[in-house]
């Protein structure tokens, strides 16, 4: 499993075109991922810093996303217009563990994925 952290600050130029492209990229991620479950969470700090956390099970699928032509165009637009600053971190997960006290009905909708590899 891989975890991608994308920290960013939007520029003043990021507007409707950025938002439309972000929605389109979310569609592309789902299309490319297929059966490789991709989990995406977005957070925004009080200072405007944004954090997207993405989890990919398969490195080959992640490579297809990285090299996707539409994604490459969006990356170029991001560097030229939409991001004042960004930082991308890609990490391979060695181990995960979890604990959940919620009721079975609550957790049934959220299957837990385990990383494969050394424990």
Protein backbone atom coordinates (compact mmCIF):
# COMPACT_ATOMS: atom_id res chain seq x y z
CA UNK A 1 0.00 0.00 0.00
CA UNK A 2 1.11 3.55 -0.70
CA UNK A 3 0.21 6.80 1.02
CA UNK A 4 0.42 10.07 -0.87
CA UNK A 5 0.37 13.36 1.01
CA UNK A 6 -0.28 16.46 -1.08
CA UNK A 7 0.08 19.72 0.85
CA UNK A 8 -0.79 22.92 -0.97
CA UNK A 9 -1.66 26.59 -0.76
CA UNK A 10 -3.91 27.84 -3.54
CA UNK A 11 -3.02 30.98 -5.45
CA UNK A 12 -5.44 33.83 -6.10
CA UNK A 13 -5.82 32.45 -9.65
CA UNK A 14 -7.43 29.22 -8.43
CA UNK A 15 -11.12 29.67 -9.10
CA UNK A 16 -13.91 27.94 -10.98
CA UNK A 17 -11.54 26.37 -13.53
CA UNK A 18 -9.49 24.84 -10.71
CA UNK A 19 -12.60 23.49 -8.96
CA UNK A 20 -13.91 21.94 -12.18
CA UNK A 21 -10.53 20.34 -12.86
CA UNK A 22 -10.33 19.01 -9.30
CA UNK A 23 -13.73 17.34 -9.75
CA UNK A 24 -12.64 15.88 -13.08
CA UNK A 25 -9.43 14.52 -11.53
CA UNK A 26 -11.46 12.79 -8.82
CA UNK A 27 -13.45 11.07 -11.59
CA UNK A 28 -10.20 10.10 -13.35
CA UNK A 29 -8.75 8.63 -10.13
CA UNK A 30 -11.80 6.41 -9.72
CA UNK A 31 -11.67 5.34 -13.39
CA UNK A 32 -7.97 4.51 -13.27
CA UNK A 33 -8.10 2.82 -9.87
CA UNK A 34 -10.72 0.29 -10.92
CA UNK A 35 -10.60 -2.48 -8.32
CA UNK A 36 -7.61 -0.91 -6.51
CA UNK A 37 -9.33 0.85 -3.64
CA UNK A 38 -8.20 4.43 -3.41
CA UNK A 39 -9.10 6.34 -0.28
CA UNK A 40 -8.95 10.13 -0.52
CA UNK A 41 -9.42 12.60 2.34
CA UNK A 42 -9.12 16.38 2.15
CA UNK A 43 -8.37 18.75 5.02
CA UNK A 44 -7.91 22.52 5.17
CA UNK A 45 -6.08 24.26 7.98
CA UNK A 46 -6.93 27.62 9.50
CA UNK A 47 -3.98 29.12 7.62
CA UNK A 48 -5.38 27.94 4.27
CA UNK A 49 -2.96 25.05 3.89
CA UNK A 50 -4.72 22.12 2.28
CA UNK A 51 -3.83 18.47 2.75
CA UNK A 52 -5.02 15.61 0.57
CA UNK A 53 -4.26 12.12 1.84
CA UNK A 54 -4.56 9.33 -0.72
CA UNK A 55 -4.07 5.63 -0.16
CA UNK A 56 -3.33 3.25 -3.04
CA UNK A 57 -2.97 -0.51 -2.75
CA UNK A 58 -1.08 -1.12 -6.00
CA UNK A 59 2.06 0.69 -7.19
CA UNK A 60 1.30 -0.05 -10.85
CA UNK A 61 -2.10 1.61 -10.56
CA UNK A 62 -0.46 4.57 -8.85
CA UNK A 63 1.99 4.81 -11.76
CA UNK A 64 -0.90 4.83 -14.25
CA UNK A 65 -2.41 7.75 -12.34
CA UNK A 66 0.91 9.59 -12.21
CA UNK A 67 1.34 9.23 -15.99
CA UNK A 68 -2.29 9.84 -16.99
CA UNK A 69 -2.36 12.51 -19.75
CA UNK A 70 -5.27 14.45 -18.20
CA UNK A 71 -3.57 14.37 -14.82
CA UNK A 72 -0.31 15.64 -16.38
CA UNK A 73 -2.17 18.62 -17.91
CA UNK A 74 -3.79 19.37 -14.54
CA UNK A 75 -0.37 19.19 -12.85
CA UNK A 76 1.05 21.69 -15.33
CA UNK A 77 -1.90 24.05 -14.80
CA UNK A 78 -1.46 23.68 -11.05
CA UNK A 79 2.21 24.66 -11.19
CA UNK A 80 1.60 27.56 -13.58
CA UNK A 81 -1.63 29.01 -12.14
CA UNK A 82 -3.41 27.38 -9.23
CA UNK A 83 -0.85 26.63 -6.52
CA UNK A 84 1.14 29.26 -4.68
CA UNK A 85 3.08 26.33 -3.19
CA UNK A 86 2.78 22.57 -2.88
CA UNK A 87 4.65 19.55 -1.57
CA UNK A 88 4.07 15.94 -2.60
CA UNK A 89 5.17 12.99 -0.48
CA UNK A 90 4.85 9.35 -1.57
CA UNK A 91 5.45 6.66 1.04
CA UNK A 92 5.13 2.89 1.08
CA UNK A 93 3.21 1.54 4.06
CA UNK A 94 5.06 -1.05 6.09
CA UNK A 95 2.33 -1.81 8.58
CA UNK A 96 -1.09 -0.62 9.71
CA UNK A 97 -3.13 -1.40 12.78
CA UNK A 98 -6.56 -0.20 13.82
CA UNK A 99 -9.09 -0.30 16.62
CA UNK A 100 -12.75 0.60 16.26
CA UNK A 101 -15.37 0.71 19.03
CA UNK A 102 -18.21 1.75 16.75
CA UNK A 103 -21.20 -0.51 16.33
CA UNK A 104 -21.11 -3.19 13.58
CA UNK A 105 -23.77 -1.24 11.63
CA UNK A 106 -21.50 1.82 11.51
CA UNK A 107 -18.40 -0.09 10.44
CA UNK A 108 -20.20 -2.26 7.85
CA UNK A 109 -20.20 0.72 5.48
CA UNK A 110 -16.46 1.33 5.94
CA UNK A 111 -14.44 -1.82 5.17
CA UNK A 112 -10.94 -1.73 6.62
CA UNK A 113 -8.06 -2.45 4.24
CA UNK A 114 -4.90 -4.02 5.57
CA UNK A 115 -1.46 -3.43 4.11
CA UNK A 116 0.32 -6.51 2.86
CA UNK A 117 3.89 -7.12 3.77
CA UNK A 118 5.97 -7.57 6.90
CA UNK A 119 4.11 -7.05 10.13
